[in-house]
Protein backbone atom coordinates (compact mmCIF):
# COMPACT_ATOMS: atom_id res chain seq x y z
CA UNK A 1 175.65 221.06 236.02
CA UNK A 2 174.03 221.67 232.60
CA UNK A 3 171.64 224.04 234.30
CA UNK A 4 174.42 226.03 235.91
CA UNK A 5 176.30 226.33 232.53
CA UNK A 6 172.95 227.41 230.86
CA UNK A 7 172.23 229.93 233.54
CA UNK A 8 175.78 231.32 233.38
CA UNK A 9 175.43 231.65 229.59
CA UNK A 10 172.06 233.54 229.93
CA UNK A 11 173.60 236.00 232.47
CA UNK A 12 176.66 236.49 230.30
CA UNK A 13 174.41 237.39 227.55
CA UNK A 14 172.46 239.73 229.74
CA UNK A 15 175.63 241.39 230.94
CA UNK A 16 177.46 241.73 227.67
CA UNK A 17 174.54 243.09 225.69
CA UNK A 18 174.08 246.36 227.49
CA UNK A 19 177.85 246.83 227.75
CA UNK A 20 178.20 246.16 224.03
CA UNK A 21 175.58 248.80 223.33
CA UNK A 22 177.25 251.31 225.63
CA UNK A 23 180.65 250.47 223.97
CA UNK A 24 179.13 251.02 220.44
CA UNK A 25 177.74 254.49 221.80
CA UNK A 26 181.37 255.70 222.74
CA UNK A 27 183.02 254.08 219.81
CA UNK A 28 184.96 256.74 217.93
CA UNK A 29 184.81 259.21 220.88
CA UNK A 30 188.18 260.27 222.08
CA UNK A 31 188.99 260.33 225.77
CA UNK A 32 189.09 264.11 225.93
CA UNK A 33 185.44 264.38 224.82
CA UNK A 34 184.02 261.99 227.42
CA UNK A 35 181.93 263.72 229.98
CA UNK A 36 178.92 262.98 232.20
CA UNK A 37 176.66 264.12 229.43
CA UNK A 38 178.20 261.57 226.95
CA UNK A 39 175.86 258.75 228.22
CA UNK A 40 172.17 258.92 228.67
CA UNK A 41 170.68 257.96 232.08
CA UNK A 42 169.56 254.68 230.50
CA UNK A 43 173.02 253.93 229.22
CA UNK A 44 174.47 254.71 232.61
CA UNK A 45 172.03 252.36 234.21
CA UNK A 46 172.80 249.58 231.80
CA UNK A 47 176.51 250.04 232.51
CA UNK A 48 175.82 249.86 236.18
CA UNK A 49 173.89 246.66 235.74
CA UNK A 50 176.68 245.17 233.57
CA UNK A 51 179.50 246.16 235.79
CA UNK A 52 177.65 244.83 238.91
CA UNK A 53 176.71 241.58 237.11
CA UNK A 54 180.40 240.94 236.17
CA UNK A 55 181.48 241.48 239.79
CA UNK A 56 178.71 239.37 241.09
CA UNK A 57 179.45 236.61 238.61
CA UNK A 58 183.10 236.61 239.57
CA UNK A 59 182.42 236.52 243.29
CA UNK A 60 179.13 234.98 243.77
CA UNK A 61 178.22 232.86 240.70
CA UNK A 62 175.02 233.42 238.58
CA UNK A 63 172.85 234.39 241.54
CA UNK A 64 175.47 236.77 242.69
CA UNK A 65 175.75 238.23 239.17
CA UNK A 66 171.92 238.92 238.99
CA UNK A 67 171.73 240.42 242.49
CA UNK A 68 174.87 242.58 242.09
CA UNK A 69 173.69 243.60 238.63
CA UNK A 70 170.38 244.82 240.03
CA UNK A 71 172.26 246.54 242.78
CA UNK A 72 174.42 248.40 240.12
CA UNK A 73 171.38 249.46 238.29
CA UNK A 74 169.80 250.77 241.48
CA UNK A 75 172.97 252.70 242.24
CA UNK A 76 173.09 254.43 238.78
CA UNK A 77 169.38 255.24 239.07
CA UNK A 78 170.18 256.88 242.39
CA UNK A 79 173.09 258.81 241.02
CA UNK A 80 171.18 259.81 238.15
CA UNK A 81 168.37 261.09 240.42
CA UNK A 82 170.77 263.08 242.37
CA UNK A 83 172.12 264.70 239.18
CA UNK A 84 168.58 265.53 238.26
CA UNK A 85 168.10 267.20 241.69
CA UNK A 86 171.27 269.24 241.27
CA UNK A 87 170.18 270.43 237.85
CA UNK A 88 166.70 271.26 239.08
CA UNK A 89 168.09 273.20 242.03
CA UNK A 90 170.47 275.16 239.67
CA UNK A 91 167.36 275.94 237.44
CA UNK A 92 165.30 277.07 240.50
CA UNK A 93 168.02 279.35 241.70
CA UNK A 94 168.46 280.86 238.25
CA UNK A 95 164.74 281.36 238.06
CA UNK A 96 164.62 282.88 241.56
CA UNK A 97 167.39 285.28 240.58
CA UNK A 98 165.55 286.33 237.52
CA UNK A 99 162.37 286.90 239.50
CA UNK A 100 164.38 289.16 241.90
CA UNK A 101 165.79 291.17 239.07
CA UNK A 102 162.39 291.57 237.64
CA UNK A 103 161.04 292.72 240.97
CA UNK A 104 163.84 295.17 241.45
CA UNK A 105 163.16 296.55 237.98
CA UNK A 106 159.41 296.90 238.72
CA UNK A 107 160.31 298.73 242.00
CA UNK A 108 162.61 301.15 240.25
CA UNK A 109 159.90 301.90 237.69
CA UNK A 110 157.41 302.67 240.50
CA UNK A 111 159.85 304.85 242.29
CA UNK A 112 160.51 306.75 239.04
CA UNK A 113 156.72 306.97 238.40
CA UNK A 114 156.13 308.31 242.08
CA UNK A 115 158.96 310.87 241.69
CA UNK A 116 157.50 312.10 238.45
CA UNK A 117 154.06 312.30 239.95
CA UNK A 118 155.44 314.38 242.84
CA UNK A 119 157.28 316.72 240.57
CA UNK A 120 154.22 317.31 238.47
CA UNK A 121 152.21 317.94 241.66
CA UNK A 122 154.75 320.47 242.92
CA UNK A 123 154.71 322.14 239.47
CA UNK A 124 150.92 322.32 239.65
CA UNK A 125 150.88 323.78 243.20
CA UNK A 126 153.55 326.28 242.22
CA UNK A 127 151.45 327.36 239.28
CA UNK A 128 148.33 327.72 241.38
CA UNK A 129 150.30 329.79 243.96
CA UNK A 130 151.62 332.07 241.28
CA UNK A 131 148.01 332.53 239.88
CA UNK A 132 146.75 333.31 243.28
CA UNK A 133 149.57 335.78 243.88
CA UNK A 134 148.80 337.43 240.62
CA UNK A 135 145.06 337.79 241.50
CA UNK A 136 145.90 339.04 244.98
CA UNK A 137 148.41 341.60 243.59
CA UNK A 138 145.48 343.33 241.92
CA UNK A 139 143.67 343.68 245.22
CA UNK A 140 142.80 347.09 246.42
CA UNK A 141 140.50 347.92 249.32
CA UNK A 142 139.91 350.45 251.95
CA UNK A 143 138.88 350.55 255.53
CA UNK A 144 136.88 353.61 256.82
CA UNK A 145 137.32 355.07 260.27
CA UNK A 146 135.22 357.08 262.78
CA UNK A 147 135.93 360.77 263.14
CA UNK A 148 139.17 361.42 265.15
CA UNK A 149 139.81 357.70 265.68
CA UNK A 150 142.54 355.27 264.55
CA UNK A 151 140.72 352.15 265.92
CA UNK A 152 139.63 349.64 263.24
CA UNK A 153 135.80 349.29 263.42
CA UNK A 154 134.80 345.68 264.46
CA UNK A 155 132.70 345.02 261.34
CA UNK A 156 136.05 345.01 259.37
CA UNK A 157 137.38 342.04 261.35
CA UNK A 158 136.54 339.44 258.76
CA UNK A 159 138.13 341.42 255.92
CA UNK A 160 141.32 341.89 257.95
CA UNK A 161 141.42 338.16 258.66
CA UNK A 162 140.95 337.31 255.00
CA UNK A 163 143.70 339.67 253.97
CA UNK A 164 146.03 338.30 256.52
CA UNK A 165 145.34 334.74 255.18
CA UNK A 166 146.16 335.81 251.54
CA UNK A 167 149.45 337.31 252.67
CA UNK A 168 150.38 334.25 254.68
CA UNK A 169 149.62 331.92 251.83
CA UNK A 170 151.67 334.01 249.45
CA UNK A 171 155.04 334.92 250.95
CA UNK A 172 156.10 336.83 247.82
CA UNK A 173 153.39 339.43 248.39
CA UNK A 174 153.85 342.85 250.07
CA UNK A 175 151.25 345.33 251.15
CA UNK A 176 151.12 349.10 251.22
CA UNK A 177 148.83 350.78 253.76
CA UNK A 178 148.19 354.53 253.05
CA UNK A 179 146.28 356.54 255.77
CA UNK A 180 144.08 359.49 255.11
CA UNK A 181 141.71 361.99 256.97
CA UNK A 182 139.05 364.38 256.30
CA UNK A 183 139.46 368.16 256.54
CA UNK A 184 138.36 368.43 260.12
CA UNK A 185 141.06 369.57 262.52
CA UNK A 186 144.63 370.91 262.01
CA UNK A 187 146.82 369.61 259.30
CA UNK A 188 149.47 368.57 261.77
CA UNK A 189 146.92 366.57 263.75
CA UNK A 190 145.53 364.98 260.63
CA UNK A 191 148.92 363.97 259.47
CA UNK A 192 149.69 362.12 262.69
CA UNK A 193 146.03 360.57 262.72
CA UNK A 194 146.52 359.29 259.15
CA UNK A 195 149.77 357.55 260.01
CA UNK A 196 148.15 356.07 263.19
CA UNK A 197 145.32 354.57 261.18
CA UNK A 198 147.78 352.89 258.77
CA UNK A 199 149.78 351.59 261.72
CA UNK A 200 146.62 350.26 263.33
CA UNK A 201 145.91 348.12 260.24
CA UNK A 202 149.56 346.86 260.30
CA UNK A 203 149.33 345.76 263.85
CA UNK A 204 146.18 343.79 263.16
CA UNK A 205 148.02 342.09 260.23
CA UNK A 206 151.18 341.32 262.23
CA UNK A 207 148.88 339.81 265.00
CA UNK A 208 147.46 337.42 262.36
CA UNK A 209 151.14 336.22 261.53
CA UNK A 210 152.02 338.54 258.57
CA UNK A 211 155.73 339.66 258.66
CA UNK A 212 156.13 343.35 259.70
CA UNK A 213 158.85 343.78 257.05
CA UNK A 214 156.31 343.02 254.27
CA UNK A 215 154.09 345.88 255.33
CA UNK A 216 154.74 349.51 254.30
CA UNK A 217 152.84 352.39 256.02
CA UNK A 218 152.38 355.96 254.91
CA UNK A 219 150.36 358.91 256.29
CA UNK A 220 149.06 361.35 253.88
CA UNK A 221 146.96 363.50 256.38
CA UNK A 222 144.18 365.55 254.88
CA UNK A 223 145.80 365.45 251.44
CA UNK A 224 144.03 363.84 248.48
CA UNK A 225 140.39 363.95 249.73
CA UNK A 226 137.75 361.98 247.88
CA UNK A 227 134.69 363.85 248.95
CA UNK A 228 135.62 366.53 251.53
CA UNK A 229 135.98 370.04 250.54
CA UNK A 230 135.77 373.70 252.04
CA UNK A 231 131.84 373.36 252.26
CA UNK A 232 131.95 369.89 253.60
CA UNK A 233 135.04 369.23 255.76
CA UNK A 234 133.76 366.02 257.44
CA UNK A 235 133.57 362.98 255.05
CA UNK A 236 133.23 359.25 255.99
CA UNK A 237 134.89 358.30 252.80
CA UNK A 238 138.09 360.29 253.35
CA UNK A 239 138.72 358.90 256.93
CA UNK A 240 140.24 355.79 255.40
CA UNK A 241 143.25 353.48 254.94
CA UNK A 242 144.00 352.30 251.42
CA UNK A 243 145.38 348.84 251.02
CA UNK A 244 147.28 347.74 248.05
CA UNK A 245 148.76 344.30 247.76
CA UNK A 246 151.59 343.65 245.26
CA UNK A 247 154.31 341.24 244.45
CA UNK A 248 157.78 341.74 245.88
CA UNK A 249 160.48 343.31 243.54
CA UNK A 250 162.44 339.92 243.64
CA UNK A 251 159.36 337.92 242.46
CA UNK A 252 158.50 340.50 239.85
CA UNK A 253 162.10 340.05 238.49
CA UNK A 254 161.63 336.29 238.28
CA UNK A 255 158.43 336.64 236.32
């Protein structure tokens, strides 16, 4: 009997001590300020042990008090662990959202940089095209023809192809073709022959993809001879088509 009383006294002391500490912790705190954060995890476990011990002591004696107190402590530890998991989950979600926002910001910056790069590249290409067009606009050349013929000699094929390539690469360029003859033959025949020579060059360029509307042809006949004269009516240098490349009026207005 004495042992039972002694054991009960010890258990009562074990139970009341943590509860008294918890009570002193909340002393002076109003009911409206009590929240889950008011007690530390250790205090909650002590309260769980104390509450369990009281119930166990009432219904199961000293042994029941100890067992039930331990069970209460375990329960509070479990609840504290679940609260920690909830808080950790919230923190992880917040961190994940922050990472997503940072990633979206980086993607936006990369897209802006790519757009800026494309704009700079386009500006450079346009600048190069304009420079090429200006160089081509100063191009003048001539093709010589055989006597009485409007057929382009085969050795000019490479030059005609290069000219067509320049025109196709610079759509703002136009071309003037001026046909001439020497003094051999009648003026009427030479007029028709000079125009036929200019049209022959135009056809060659159109066959290479140059728009016909960009090509102007004019026949000057035997006028404006370079070498031919009354003493030397036949001249290789006068049987020619003069080629002049220039910028369109619209493009010149832009510049």
